[in-house]
PDB file of N, CA and C in Angstrom:
ATOM      1  N   UNK A   1      36.043 -12.958  20.145  1.00  0.00           N
ATOM      2  CA  UNK A   1      34.127 -11.873  20.220  1.00  0.00           C
ATOM      3  C   UNK A   1      34.141 -12.433  22.449  1.00  0.00           C
ATOM      4  N   UNK A   2      34.086 -11.365  22.736  1.00  0.00           N
ATOM      5  CA  UNK A   2      33.872 -11.911  24.269  1.00  0.00           C
ATOM      6  C   UNK A   2      33.123 -10.673  24.684  1.00  0.00           C
ATOM      7  N   UNK A   3      33.282 -10.155  26.253  1.00  0.00           N
ATOM      8  CA  UNK A   3      32.256  -8.995  26.945  1.00  0.00           C
ATOM      9  C   UNK A   3      33.162  -7.950  26.021  1.00  0.00           C
ATOM     10  N   UNK A   4      32.643  -6.913  26.161  1.00  0.00           N
ATOM     11  CA  UNK A   4      32.179  -5.511  26.349  1.00  0.00           C
ATOM     12  C   UNK A   4      33.594  -5.163  27.390  1.00  0.00           C
ATOM     13  N   UNK A   5      34.525  -4.622  26.932  1.00  0.00           N
ATOM     14  CA  UNK A   5      35.112  -3.570  28.679  1.00  0.00           C
ATOM     15  C   UNK A   5      34.564  -2.753  29.010  1.00  0.00           C
ATOM     16  N   UNK A   6      34.899  -2.552  30.748  1.00  0.00           N
ATOM     17  CA  UNK A   6      33.621  -2.401  31.061  1.00  0.00           C
ATOM     18  C   UNK A   6      32.912  -0.659  30.607  1.00  0.00           C
ATOM     19  N   UNK A   7      33.960   0.632  30.036  1.00  0.00           N
ATOM     20  CA  UNK A   7      33.925   1.082  29.579  1.00  0.00           C
ATOM     21  C   UNK A   7      33.149   0.743  28.498  1.00  0.00           C
ATOM     22  N   UNK A   8      33.077   0.732  27.803  1.00  0.00           N
ATOM     23  CA  UNK A   8      32.428   0.551  26.593  1.00  0.00           C
ATOM     24  C   UNK A   8      30.905   0.059  27.165  1.00  0.00           C
ATOM     25  N   UNK A   9      30.349  -0.873  27.880  1.00  0.00           N
ATOM     26  CA  UNK A   9      29.393  -1.413  28.121  1.00  0.00           C
ATOM     27  C   UNK A   9      28.774  -0.524  29.121  1.00  0.00           C
ATOM     28  N   UNK A  10      29.621   0.685  30.187  1.00  0.00           N
ATOM     29  CA  UNK A  10      28.283   2.121  30.476  1.00  0.00           C
ATOM     30  C   UNK A  10      28.143   3.258  29.564  1.00  0.00           C
ATOM     31  N   UNK A  11      29.266   2.894  27.825  1.00  0.00           N
ATOM     32  CA  UNK A  11      28.708   3.543  27.080  1.00  0.00           C
ATOM     33  C   UNK A  11      27.801   3.625  26.491  1.00  0.00           C
ATOM     34  N   UNK A  12      27.717   2.271  26.118  1.00  0.00           N
ATOM     35  CA  UNK A  12      25.756   1.447  26.035  1.00  0.00           C
ATOM     36  C   UNK A  12      25.460   1.521  26.173  1.00  0.00           C
ATOM     37  N   UNK A  13      25.546   2.083  27.383  1.00  0.00           N
ATOM     38  CA  UNK A  13      23.512   1.833  28.659  1.00  0.00           C
ATOM     39  C   UNK A  13      23.830   3.424  28.753  1.00  0.00           C
ATOM     40  N   UNK A  14      24.551   4.608  28.384  1.00  0.00           N
ATOM     41  CA  UNK A  14      24.500   5.667  28.072  1.00  0.00           C
ATOM     42  C   UNK A  14      23.647   5.686  27.296  1.00  0.00           C
ATOM     43  N   UNK A  15      23.928   5.268  26.271  1.00  0.00           N
ATOM     44  CA  UNK A  15      23.596   5.877  24.825  1.00  0.00           C
ATOM     45  C   UNK A  15      22.355   5.170  24.728  1.00  0.00           C
ATOM     46  N   UNK A  16      22.068   4.118  24.989  1.00  0.00           N
ATOM     47  CA  UNK A  16      20.604   4.039  25.930  1.00  0.00           C
ATOM     48  C   UNK A  16      19.553   4.376  26.451  1.00  0.00           C
ATOM     49  N   UNK A  17      20.418   4.748  27.484  1.00  0.00           N
ATOM     50  CA  UNK A  17      19.209   5.876  28.521  1.00  0.00           C
ATOM     51  C   UNK A  17      18.988   6.981  27.866  1.00  0.00           C
ATOM     52  N   UNK A  18      19.844   7.733  27.036  1.00  0.00           N
ATOM     53  CA  UNK A  18      20.114   8.832  26.571  1.00  0.00           C
ATOM     54  C   UNK A  18      19.142   8.721  25.924  1.00  0.00           C
ATOM     55  N   UNK A  19      18.772   8.069  24.624  1.00  0.00           N
ATOM     56  CA  UNK A  19      18.093   7.619  23.738  1.00  0.00           C
ATOM     57  C   UNK A  19      15.715   7.773  24.055  1.00  0.00           C
ATOM     58  N   UNK A  20      15.947   7.042  25.261  1.00  0.00           N
ATOM     59  CA  UNK A  20      15.259   6.451  25.937  1.00  0.00           C
ATOM     60  C   UNK A  20      14.210   8.156  26.095  1.00  0.00           C
ATOM     61  N   UNK A  21      15.590   8.654  27.030  1.00  0.00           N
ATOM     62  CA  UNK A  21      15.110  10.054  27.834  1.00  0.00           C
ATOM     63  C   UNK A  21      14.930  10.964  27.263  1.00  0.00           C
ATOM     64  N   UNK A  22      15.298  11.134  25.916  1.00  0.00           N
ATOM     65  CA  UNK A  22      15.411  11.865  24.273  1.00  0.00           C
ATOM     66  C   UNK A  22      13.483  11.524  23.759  1.00  0.00           C
ATOM     67  N   UNK A  23      13.514  10.397  23.719  1.00  0.00           N
ATOM     68  CA  UNK A  23      12.158   9.986  23.220  1.00  0.00           C
ATOM     69  C   UNK A  23      12.855   9.609  21.411  1.00  0.00           C
ATOM     70  N   UNK A  24      14.562   9.740  21.147  1.00  0.00           N
ATOM     71  CA  UNK A  24      14.439   9.307  20.171  1.00  0.00           C
ATOM     72  C   UNK A  24      14.085  10.518  19.377  1.00  0.00           C
ATOM     73  N   UNK A  25      13.710  11.467  19.405  1.00  0.00           N
ATOM     74  CA  UNK A  25      13.428  12.581  18.391  1.00  0.00           C
ATOM     75  C   UNK A  25      12.455  13.397  19.686  1.00  0.00           C
ATOM     76  N   UNK A  26      11.404  14.189  18.664  1.00  0.00           N
ATOM     77  CA  UNK A  26      10.228  14.933  19.403  1.00  0.00           C
ATOM     78  C   UNK A  26       8.972  14.208  19.317  1.00  0.00           C
ATOM     79  N   UNK A  27       8.041  14.596  20.506  1.00  0.00           N
ATOM     80  CA  UNK A  27       7.371  13.943  20.949  1.00  0.00           C
ATOM     81  C   UNK A  27       6.470  13.959  19.591  1.00  0.00           C
ATOM     82  N   UNK A  28       6.339  14.616  19.058  1.00  0.00           N
ATOM     83  CA  UNK A  28       5.201  14.437  17.450  1.00  0.00           C
ATOM     84  C   UNK A  28       5.359  13.250  16.133  1.00  0.00           C
ATOM     85  N   UNK A  29       6.751  13.198  17.252  1.00  0.00           N
ATOM     86  CA  UNK A  29       7.914  11.425  16.081  1.00  0.00           C
ATOM     87  C   UNK A  29       6.915  11.216  16.574  1.00  0.00           C
ATOM     88  N   UNK A  30       6.440  10.576  17.437  1.00  0.00           N
ATOM     89  CA  UNK A  30       6.370   9.540  18.558  1.00  0.00           C
ATOM     90  C   UNK A  30       4.855   9.035  17.915  1.00  0.00           C
ATOM     91  N   UNK A  31       4.092  10.798  17.807  1.00  0.00           N
ATOM     92  CA  UNK A  31       2.495  10.767  17.879  1.00  0.00           C
ATOM     93  C   UNK A  31       2.218  10.941  16.384  1.00  0.00           C
ATOM     94  N   UNK A  32       2.779  11.130  15.146  1.00  0.00           N
ATOM     95  CA  UNK A  32       3.019  11.055  13.862  1.00  0.00           C
ATOM     96  C   UNK A  32       2.826   9.610  13.884  1.00  0.00           C
ATOM     97  N   UNK A  33       3.773   9.155  14.013  1.00  0.00           N
ATOM     98  CA  UNK A  33       3.683   7.058  14.491  1.00  0.00           C
ATOM     99  C   UNK A  33       2.730   6.341  14.658  1.00  0.00           C
ATOM    100  N   UNK A  34       2.163   7.296  16.134  1.00  0.00           N
ATOM    101  CA  UNK A  34       0.506   6.064  15.977  1.00  0.00           C
ATOM    102  C   UNK A  34      -0.050   6.808  14.884  1.00  0.00           C
ATOM    103  N   UNK A  35      -0.243   7.874  14.521  1.00  0.00           N
ATOM    104  CA  UNK A  35      -1.418   8.639  14.138  1.00  0.00           C
ATOM    105  C   UNK A  35      -1.682   7.836  12.377  1.00  0.00           C
ATOM    106  N   UNK A  36      -0.175   7.394  12.134  1.00  0.00           N
ATOM    107  CA  UNK A  36      -0.070   7.495  10.045  1.00  0.00           C
ATOM    108  C   UNK A  36       0.300   6.259  10.181  1.00  0.00           C
ATOM    109  N   UNK A  37       0.451   4.865  11.487  1.00  0.00           N
ATOM    110  CA  UNK A  37       0.403   3.462  11.223  1.00  0.00           C
ATOM    111  C   UNK A  37      -1.005   3.204  10.362  1.00  0.00           C
ATOM    112  N   UNK A  38      -1.913   2.950  11.432  1.00  0.00           N
ATOM    113  CA  UNK A  38      -3.223   2.657  10.329  1.00  0.00           C
ATOM    114  C   UNK A  38      -3.348   3.294   8.891  1.00  0.00           C
ATOM    115  N   UNK A  39      -3.383   4.721   8.739  1.00  0.00           N
ATOM    116  CA  UNK A  39      -3.074   5.280   7.442  1.00  0.00           C
ATOM    117  C   UNK A  39      -2.378   4.313   6.368  1.00  0.00           C
ATOM    118  N   UNK A  40      -0.930   4.025   6.969  1.00  0.00           N
ATOM    119  CA  UNK A  40       0.210   3.488   5.878  1.00  0.00           C
ATOM    120  C   UNK A  40      -0.265   2.303   5.944  1.00  0.00           C
ATOM    121  N   UNK A  41      -0.904   1.297   6.747  1.00  0.00           N
ATOM    122  CA  UNK A  41      -1.161  -0.253   6.524  1.00  0.00           C
ATOM    123  C   UNK A  41      -2.584  -0.453   5.783  1.00  0.00           C
ATOM    124  N   UNK A  42      -3.549   0.749   6.038  1.00  0.00           N
ATOM    125  CA  UNK A  42      -4.685   0.560   4.811  1.00  0.00           C
ATOM    126  C   UNK A  42      -4.176   1.120   3.350  1.00  0.00           C
ATOM    127  N   UNK A  43      -3.356   1.820   3.470  1.00  0.00           N
ATOM    128  CA  UNK A  43      -3.305   2.131   2.177  1.00  0.00           C
ATOM    129  C   UNK A  43      -2.181   1.402   0.944  1.00  0.00           C
ATOM    130  N   UNK A  44      -1.391  -0.250   2.635  1.00  0.00           N
ATOM    131  CA  UNK A  44      -0.384  -1.178   1.621  1.00  0.00           C
ATOM    132  C   UNK A  44      -1.513  -1.808   1.316  1.00  0.00           C
ATOM    133  N   UNK A  45      -2.966  -1.819   1.863  1.00  0.00           N
ATOM    134  CA  UNK A  45      -4.014  -2.862   1.889  1.00  0.00           C
ATOM    135  C   UNK A  45      -4.346  -2.833   0.513  1.00  0.00           C
ATOM    136  N   UNK A  46      -5.055  -0.815   0.341  1.00  0.00           N
ATOM    137  CA  UNK A  46      -5.397  -0.795  -0.888  1.00  0.00           C
ATOM    138  C   UNK A  46      -4.794  -1.099  -2.035  1.00  0.00           C
ATOM    139  N   UNK A  47      -3.433  -0.052  -2.021  1.00  0.00           N
ATOM    140  CA  UNK A  47      -2.481  -1.102  -2.966  1.00  0.00           C
ATOM    141  C   UNK A  47      -2.225  -2.115  -3.648  1.00  0.00           C
ATOM    142  N   UNK A  48      -2.329  -3.143  -2.618  1.00  0.00           N
ATOM    143  CA  UNK A  48      -2.346  -4.638  -2.930  1.00  0.00           C
ATOM    144  C   UNK A  48      -3.790  -5.134  -3.623  1.00  0.00           C
ATOM    145  N   UNK A  49      -5.012  -4.880  -3.177  1.00  0.00           N
ATOM    146  CA  UNK A  49      -5.869  -5.095  -3.914  1.00  0.00           C
ATOM    147  C   UNK A  49      -6.371  -4.518  -5.817  1.00  0.00           C
ATOM    148  N   UNK A  50      -5.168  -2.986  -4.856  1.00  0.00           N
ATOM    149  CA  UNK A  50      -5.894  -2.228  -7.158  1.00  0.00           C
ATOM    150  C   UNK A  50      -4.341  -3.389  -7.538  1.00  0.00           C
ATOM    151  N   UNK A  51      -3.381  -3.759  -7.350  1.00  0.00           N
ATOM    152  CA  UNK A  51      -2.295  -4.441  -7.413  1.00  0.00           C
ATOM    153  C   UNK A  51      -2.801  -5.884  -8.659  1.00  0.00           C
ATOM    154  N   UNK A  52      -4.077  -6.440  -7.488  1.00  0.00           N
ATOM    155  CA  UNK A  52      -4.705  -7.294  -8.193  1.00  0.00           C
ATOM    156  C   UNK A  52      -6.239  -7.623  -8.781  1.00  0.00           C
ATOM    157  N   UNK A  53      -5.934  -6.072  -9.455  1.00  0.00           N
ATOM    158  CA  UNK A  53      -6.748  -5.550 -10.132  1.00  0.00           C
ATOM    159  C   UNK A  53      -6.688  -5.440 -11.090  1.00  0.00           C
ATOM    160  N   UNK A  54      -5.529  -4.895 -11.678  1.00  0.00           N
ATOM    161  CA  UNK A  54      -4.591  -4.382 -12.200  1.00  0.00           C
ATOM    162  C   UNK A  54      -4.165  -6.030 -13.263  1.00  0.00           C
ATOM    163  N   UNK A  55      -3.466  -6.807 -12.425  1.00  0.00           N
ATOM    164  CA  UNK A  55      -3.670  -8.385 -12.967  1.00  0.00           C
ATOM    165  C   UNK A  55      -4.834  -8.923 -13.794  1.00  0.00           C
ATOM    166  N   UNK A  56      -5.684  -9.147 -12.970  1.00  0.00           N
ATOM    167  CA  UNK A  56      -6.847  -8.942 -13.410  1.00  0.00           C
ATOM    168  C   UNK A  56      -7.768  -8.520 -15.033  1.00  0.00           C
ATOM    169  N   UNK A  57      -7.045  -7.096 -14.995  1.00  0.00           N
ATOM    170  CA  UNK A  57      -7.227  -6.211 -15.868  1.00  0.00           C
ATOM    171  C   UNK A  57      -6.337  -6.425 -17.253  1.00  0.00           C
ATOM    172  N   UNK A  58      -5.344  -7.569 -16.994  1.00  0.00           N
ATOM    173  CA  UNK A  58      -4.263  -7.705 -17.798  1.00  0.00           C
ATOM    174  C   UNK A  58      -4.927  -8.883 -18.103  1.00  0.00           C
ATOM    175  N   UNK A  59      -5.533  -9.772 -17.517  1.00  0.00           N
ATOM    176  CA  UNK A  59      -6.082 -11.153 -18.133  1.00  0.00           C
ATOM    177  C   UNK A  59      -7.703 -10.528 -19.027  1.00  0.00           C
ATOM    178  N   UNK A  60      -8.321  -9.902 -18.820  1.00  0.00           N
ATOM    179  CA  UNK A  60      -9.264  -8.854 -19.522  1.00  0.00           C
ATOM    180  C   UNK A  60      -9.494  -9.045 -20.859  1.00  0.00           C
ATOM    181  N   UNK A  61      -7.579  -7.787 -21.028  1.00  0.00           N
ATOM    182  CA  UNK A  61      -7.255  -7.665 -21.813  1.00  0.00           C
ATOM    183  C   UNK A  61      -6.724  -8.738 -23.291  1.00  0.00           C
ATOM    184  N   UNK A  62      -5.724  -9.535 -22.193  1.00  0.00           N
ATOM    185  CA  UNK A  62      -5.769 -10.696 -23.175  1.00  0.00           C
ATOM    186  C   UNK A  62      -6.923 -11.459 -23.773  1.00  0.00           C
ATOM    187  N   UNK A  63      -7.664 -11.336 -23.289  1.00  0.00           N
ATOM    188  CA  UNK A  63      -8.705 -11.835 -23.485  1.00  0.00           C
ATOM    189  C   UNK A  63      -9.985 -11.815 -24.161  1.00  0.00           C
ATOM    190  N   UNK A  64     -10.094 -10.457 -24.657  1.00  0.00           N
ATOM    191  CA  UNK A  64     -10.542  -9.327 -25.157  1.00  0.00           C
ATOM    192  C   UNK A  64     -10.236  -8.974 -26.405  1.00  0.00           C
ATOM    193  N   UNK A  65      -8.831  -8.437 -26.186  1.00  0.00           N
ATOM    194  CA  UNK A  65      -8.193  -7.319 -26.921  1.00  0.00           C
ATOM    195  C   UNK A  65      -8.316  -6.381 -26.945  1.00  0.00           C
ATOM    196  N   UNK A  66      -9.399  -5.569 -25.792  1.00  0.00           N
ATOM    197  CA  UNK A  66      -9.336  -4.340 -25.981  1.00  0.00           C
ATOM    198  C   UNK A  66      -9.770  -3.968 -23.962  1.00  0.00           C
ATOM    199  N   UNK A  67      -9.739  -3.148 -22.867  1.00  0.00           N
ATOM    200  CA  UNK A  67     -10.573  -3.008 -22.123  1.00  0.00           C
ATOM    201  C   UNK A  67     -12.021  -1.922 -21.930  1.00  0.00           C
ATOM    202  N   UNK A  68     -12.496  -2.388 -23.083  1.00  0.00           N
ATOM    203  CA  UNK A  68     -13.891  -2.265 -23.215  1.00  0.00           C
ATOM    204  C   UNK A  68     -15.119  -2.672 -22.761  1.00  0.00           C
ATOM    205  N   UNK A  69     -15.710  -2.996 -22.039  1.00  0.00           N
ATOM    206  CA  UNK A  69     -16.832  -3.540 -21.569  1.00  0.00           C
ATOM    207  C   UNK A  69     -16.028  -4.249 -20.276  1.00  0.00           C
ATOM    208  N   UNK A  70     -15.147  -3.490 -19.795  1.00  0.00           N
ATOM    209  CA  UNK A  70     -14.301  -4.491 -18.612  1.00  0.00           C
ATOM    210  C   UNK A  70     -15.121  -3.710 -17.032  1.00  0.00           C
ATOM    211  N   UNK A  71     -15.834  -4.381 -16.179  1.00  0.00           N
ATOM    212  CA  UNK A  71     -16.405  -4.135 -14.748  1.00  0.00           C
ATOM    213  C   UNK A  71     -15.474  -5.058 -13.890  1.00  0.00           C
ATOM    214  N   UNK A  72     -16.373  -4.652 -12.678  1.00  0.00           N
ATOM    215  CA  UNK A  72     -15.341  -4.668 -11.183  1.00  0.00           C
ATOM    216  C   UNK A  72     -15.922  -6.217 -11.266  1.00  0.00           C
ATOM    217  N   UNK A  73     -17.767  -6.520 -12.311  1.00  0.00           N
ATOM    218  CA  UNK A  73     -17.968  -7.766 -11.884  1.00  0.00           C
ATOM    219  C   UNK A  73     -17.158  -8.814 -12.811  1.00  0.00           C
ATOM    220  N   UNK A  74     -16.861  -7.825 -14.250  1.00  0.00           N
ATOM    221  CA  UNK A  74     -16.211  -9.097 -14.457  1.00  0.00           C
ATOM    222  C   UNK A  74     -14.889  -9.795 -14.643  1.00  0.00           C
ATOM    223  N   UNK A  75     -14.338  -8.482 -14.430  1.00  0.00           N
ATOM    224  CA  UNK A  75     -12.989  -9.281 -13.498  1.00  0.00           C
ATOM    225  C   UNK A  75     -13.095 -10.141 -12.156  1.00  0.00           C
ATOM    226  N   UNK A  76     -13.947  -9.563 -11.383  1.00  0.00           N
ATOM    227  CA  UNK A  76     -14.265 -10.972 -10.370  1.00  0.00           C
ATOM    228  C   UNK A  76     -14.674 -12.352 -11.309  1.00  0.00           C
ATOM    229  N   UNK A  77     -14.967 -12.012 -12.008  1.00  0.00           N
ATOM    230  CA  UNK A  77     -15.295 -13.327 -12.647  1.00  0.00           C
ATOM    231  C   UNK A  77     -13.883 -14.034 -13.133  1.00  0.00           C
ATOM    232  N   UNK A  78     -13.223 -13.280 -13.733  1.00  0.00           N
ATOM    233  CA  UNK A  78     -11.381 -14.252 -14.077  1.00  0.00           C
ATOM    234  C   UNK A  78     -10.784 -13.600 -12.436  1.00  0.00           C
ATOM    235  N   UNK A  79     -11.326 -13.512 -11.537  1.00  0.00           N
ATOM    236  CA  UNK A  79      -9.697 -13.783 -10.518  1.00  0.00           C
ATOM    237  C   UNK A  79     -10.988 -13.687  -9.527  1.00  0.00           C
ATOM    238  N   UNK A  80     -11.559 -14.699  -8.928  1.00  0.00           N
ATOM    239  CA  UNK A  80     -12.473 -14.191  -7.794  1.00  0.00           C
ATOM    240  C   UNK A  80     -12.568 -14.199  -6.642  1.00  0.00           C
ATOM    241  N   UNK A  81     -11.053 -14.422  -6.177  1.00  0.00           N
ATOM    242  CA  UNK A  81     -10.567 -13.304  -4.553  1.00  0.00           C
ATOM    243  C   UNK A  81     -10.149 -12.399  -4.965  1.00  0.00           C
ATOM    244  N   UNK A  82     -10.999 -11.399  -5.885  1.00  0.00           N
ATOM    245  CA  UNK A  82     -10.619  -9.942  -5.864  1.00  0.00           C
ATOM    246  C   UNK A  82     -11.659  -9.537  -4.550  1.00  0.00           C
ATOM    247  N   UNK A  83     -11.122  -8.278  -4.123  1.00  0.00           N
ATOM    248  CA  UNK A  83     -11.666  -7.591  -3.096  1.00  0.00           C
ATOM    249  C   UNK A  83     -12.351  -7.066  -3.449  1.00  0.00           C
ATOM    250  N   UNK A  84     -13.387  -6.889  -2.440  1.00  0.00           N
ATOM    251  CA  UNK A  84     -15.083  -5.976  -2.576  1.00  0.00           C
ATOM    252  C   UNK A  84     -14.652  -5.255  -2.206  1.00  0.00           C
ATOM    253  N   UNK A  85     -13.348  -4.067  -2.292  1.00  0.00           N
ATOM    254  CA  UNK A  85     -13.520  -2.631  -1.925  1.00  0.00           C
ATOM    255  C   UNK A  85     -12.900  -2.288  -3.897  1.00  0.00           C
ATOM    256  N   UNK A  86     -12.797  -3.252  -4.388  1.00  0.00           N
ATOM    257  CA  UNK A  86     -12.274  -2.790  -5.998  1.00  0.00           C
ATOM    258  C   UNK A  86     -13.709  -2.188  -6.694  1.00  0.00           C
ATOM    259  N   UNK A  87     -12.796  -1.593  -6.987  1.00  0.00           N
ATOM    260  CA  UNK A  87     -13.580  -0.306  -8.312  1.00  0.00           C
ATOM    261  C   UNK A  87     -13.369  -0.710  -9.411  1.00  0.00           C
ATOM    262  N   UNK A  88     -13.808  -0.463 -11.308  1.00  0.00           N
ATOM    263  CA  UNK A  88     -13.137  -0.742 -11.853  1.00  0.00           C
ATOM    264  C   UNK A  88     -13.859  -0.096 -13.038  1.00  0.00           C
ATOM    265  N   UNK A  89     -13.587   1.564 -13.675  1.00  0.00           N
ATOM    266  CA  UNK A  89     -13.998   1.923 -14.733  1.00  0.00           C
ATOM    267  C   UNK A  89     -13.174   1.691 -16.425  1.00  0.00           C
ATOM    268  N   UNK A  90     -13.574   1.337 -17.405  1.00  0.00           N
ATOM    269  CA  UNK A  90     -13.234   1.225 -18.499  1.00  0.00           C
ATOM    270  C   UNK A  90     -13.881   1.549 -19.924  1.00  0.00           C
ATOM    271  N   UNK A  91     -12.321   2.671 -20.737  1.00  0.00           N
ATOM    272  CA  UNK A  91     -12.970   2.516 -21.888  1.00  0.00           C
ATOM    273  C   UNK A  91     -12.094   1.855 -23.275  1.00  0.00           C
ATOM    274  N   UNK A  92     -12.173   1.784 -24.361  1.00  0.00           N
ATOM    275  CA  UNK A  92     -11.473   0.773 -24.973  1.00  0.00           C
ATOM    276  C   UNK A  92     -10.401   1.455 -24.777  1.00  0.00           C
ATOM    277  N   UNK A  93      -9.641   2.571 -24.372  1.00  0.00           N
ATOM    278  CA  UNK A  93      -8.234   2.490 -24.504  1.00  0.00           C
ATOM    279  C   UNK A  93      -7.983   2.404 -23.556  1.00  0.00           C
ATOM    280  N   UNK A  94      -8.097   2.842 -22.264  1.00  0.00           N
ATOM    281  CA  UNK A  94      -7.393   2.746 -20.918  1.00  0.00           C
ATOM    282  C   UNK A  94      -8.308   1.944 -19.844  1.00  0.00           C
ATOM    283  N   UNK A  95      -8.182   2.658 -18.899  1.00  0.00           N
ATOM    284  CA  UNK A  95      -9.007   1.762 -17.581  1.00  0.00           C
ATOM    285  C   UNK A  95      -7.817   2.754 -16.003  1.00  0.00           C
ATOM    286  N   UNK A  96      -9.104   2.447 -14.967  1.00  0.00           N
ATOM    287  CA  UNK A  96      -8.503   2.858 -13.899  1.00  0.00           C
ATOM    288  C   UNK A  96      -9.297   1.760 -12.669  1.00  0.00           C
ATOM    289  N   UNK A  97      -8.312   1.867 -11.813  1.00  0.00           N
ATOM    290  CA  UNK A  97      -9.081   0.448 -10.738  1.00  0.00           C
ATOM    291  C   UNK A  97      -8.374   0.896  -9.414  1.00  0.00           C
ATOM    292  N   UNK A  98      -9.348   1.524  -8.323  1.00  0.00           N
ATOM    293  CA  UNK A  98      -9.280   1.766  -7.525  1.00  0.00           C
ATOM    294  C   UNK A  98      -9.792   1.117  -6.437  1.00  0.00           C
ATOM    295  N   UNK A  99      -9.075   1.443  -4.542  1.00  0.00           N
ATOM    296  CA  UNK A  99      -9.846   0.278  -3.614  1.00  0.00           C
ATOM    297  C   UNK A  99     -10.047   1.327  -2.370  1.00  0.00           C
ATOM    298  N   UNK A 100     -11.027   1.560  -1.776  1.00  0.00           N
ATOM    299  CA  UNK A 100     -10.773   1.755  -0.388  1.00  0.00           C
ATOM    300  C   UNK A 100     -11.068   1.241   0.789  1.00  0.00           C
ATOM    301  N   UNK A 101      -9.929   1.139   1.423  1.00  0.00           N
ATOM    302  CA  UNK A 101      -9.597   0.626   3.007  1.00  0.00           C
ATOM    303  C   UNK A 101      -9.408   1.882   3.602  1.00  0.00           C
ATOM    304  N   UNK A 102     -10.722   1.331   5.145  1.00  0.00           N
ATOM    305  CA  UNK A 102     -10.881   2.296   6.141  1.00  0.00           C
ATOM    306  C   UNK A 102     -10.023   4.098   5.590  1.00  0.00           C
ATOM    307  N   UNK A 103     -10.963   4.373   4.601  1.00  0.00           N
ATOM    308  CA  UNK A 103     -11.074   5.702   3.984  1.00  0.00           C
ATOM    309  C   UNK A 103     -10.435   5.973   3.236  1.00  0.00           C
ATOM    310  N   UNK A 104      -9.314   4.965   2.742  1.00  0.00           N
ATOM    311  CA  UNK A 104      -7.793   5.600   2.349  1.00  0.00           C
ATOM    312  C   UNK A 104      -7.991   5.064   1.376  1.00  0.00           C
ATOM    313  N   UNK A 105      -7.890   5.614   0.243  1.00  0.00           N
ATOM    314  CA  UNK A 105      -7.663   5.387  -1.084  1.00  0.00           C
ATOM    315  C   UNK A 105      -6.805   4.805  -2.066  1.00  0.00           C
ATOM    316  N   UNK A 106      -6.785   3.806  -2.930  1.00  0.00           N
ATOM    317  CA  UNK A 106      -5.448   3.925  -3.435  1.00  0.00           C
ATOM    318  C   UNK A 106      -5.751   3.612  -4.863  1.00  0.00           C
ATOM    319  N   UNK A 107      -5.170   3.802  -6.165  1.00  0.00           N
ATOM    320  CA  UNK A 107      -5.779   3.545  -7.705  1.00  0.00           C
ATOM    321  C   UNK A 107      -5.010   3.332  -8.201  1.00  0.00           C
ATOM    322  N   UNK A 108      -4.457   2.752 -10.129  1.00  0.00           N
ATOM    323  CA  UNK A 108      -3.470   2.952 -10.573  1.00  0.00           C
ATOM    324  C   UNK A 108      -4.399   3.020 -12.188  1.00  0.00           C
ATOM    325  N   UNK A 109      -4.015   3.801 -12.928  1.00  0.00           N
ATOM    326  CA  UNK A 109      -4.706   4.476 -14.169  1.00  0.00           C
ATOM    327  C   UNK A 109      -3.784   3.345 -15.394  1.00  0.00           C
ATOM    328  N   UNK A 110      -4.390   2.842 -16.337  1.00  0.00           N
ATOM    329  CA  UNK A 110      -3.957   2.458 -17.362  1.00  0.00           C
ATOM    330  C   UNK A 110      -4.146   2.192 -18.574  1.00  0.00           C
ATOM    331  N   UNK A 111      -3.717   1.534 -19.679  1.00  0.00           N
ATOM    332  CA  UNK A 111      -2.679   1.199 -19.356  1.00  0.00           C
ATOM    333  C   UNK A 111      -0.858   1.734 -19.006  1.00  0.00           C
ATOM    334  N   UNK A 112       0.157   1.207 -19.021  1.00  0.00           N
ATOM    335  CA  UNK A 112       1.236   1.800 -18.650  1.00  0.00           C
ATOM    336  C   UNK A 112       1.712   2.714 -17.177  1.00  0.00           C
ATOM    337  N   UNK A 113       0.925   2.430 -16.248  1.00  0.00           N
ATOM    338  CA  UNK A 113       1.340   2.859 -15.197  1.00  0.00           C
ATOM    339  C   UNK A 113       2.194   2.298 -14.335  1.00  0.00           C
ATOM    340  N   UNK A 114       2.746   2.186 -13.822  1.00  0.00           N
ATOM    341  CA  UNK A 114       4.155   1.509 -13.075  1.00  0.00           C
ATOM    342  C   UNK A 114       3.771   0.791 -12.303  1.00  0.00           C
ATOM    343  N   UNK A 115       2.865   1.538 -11.030  1.00  0.00           N
ATOM    344  CA  UNK A 115       2.405   1.027  -9.646  1.00  0.00           C
ATOM    345  C   UNK A 115       1.981   1.910  -9.356  1.00  0.00           C
ATOM    346  N   UNK A 116       0.379   0.451  -8.319  1.00  0.00           N
ATOM    347  CA  UNK A 116      -0.969   1.953  -7.501  1.00  0.00           C
ATOM    348  C   UNK A 116      -0.268   3.186  -6.662  1.00  0.00           C
ATOM    349  N   UNK A 117      -0.472   4.172  -6.845  1.00  0.00           N
ATOM    350  CA  UNK A 117       0.008   4.707  -5.425  1.00  0.00           C
ATOM    351  C   UNK A 117      -1.740   5.583  -4.997  1.00  0.00           C
ATOM    352  N   UNK A 118      -1.266   6.249  -3.796  1.00  0.00           N
ATOM    353  CA  UNK A 118      -2.815   6.963  -3.234  1.00  0.00           C
ATOM    354  C   UNK A 118      -3.215   7.500  -3.921  1.00  0.00           C
ATOM    355  N   UNK A 119      -4.612   7.828  -4.096  1.00  0.00           N
ATOM    356  CA  UNK A 119      -5.228   8.645  -4.519  1.00  0.00           C
ATOM    357  C   UNK A 119      -6.961   8.113  -5.034  1.00  0.00           C
ATOM    358  N   UNK A 120      -7.461   9.019  -5.678  1.00  0.00           N
ATOM    359  CA  UNK A 120      -9.371   8.103  -6.545  1.00  0.00           C
ATOM    360  C   UNK A 120      -8.421   8.337  -7.667  1.00  0.00           C
ATOM    361  N   UNK A 121      -8.939   7.405  -8.297  1.00  0.00           N
ATOM    362  CA  UNK A 121      -9.533   8.042 -10.128  1.00  0.00           C
ATOM    363  C   UNK A 121      -9.237   8.930 -10.363  1.00  0.00           C
TER     364      UNK A 121
END
């Protein structure tokens, strides 16, 4: 391994300059990236919060044998670090856990949902 031949070095520089000058895509790609990044980050946080709530709900079911009576407060008692953005609705047979972060909502219905996703209960 050593230095690239001068022709290869020029080709790499030319390729890099071309990519910079063309913006690696349309200007709207950059605009979409800038505007979607906060929403993507908020969704990731909301999904993590919902997953934490789902873990607490599993513990609630293991203790009580049912989802009936599960509330945001009862889950917080089992998992004190549960995000304040988490809300829970539950019946004897199922539940929905939701988190809203910066206006972006994620939720999971259970039992049986694979993972949290975008959208409300």
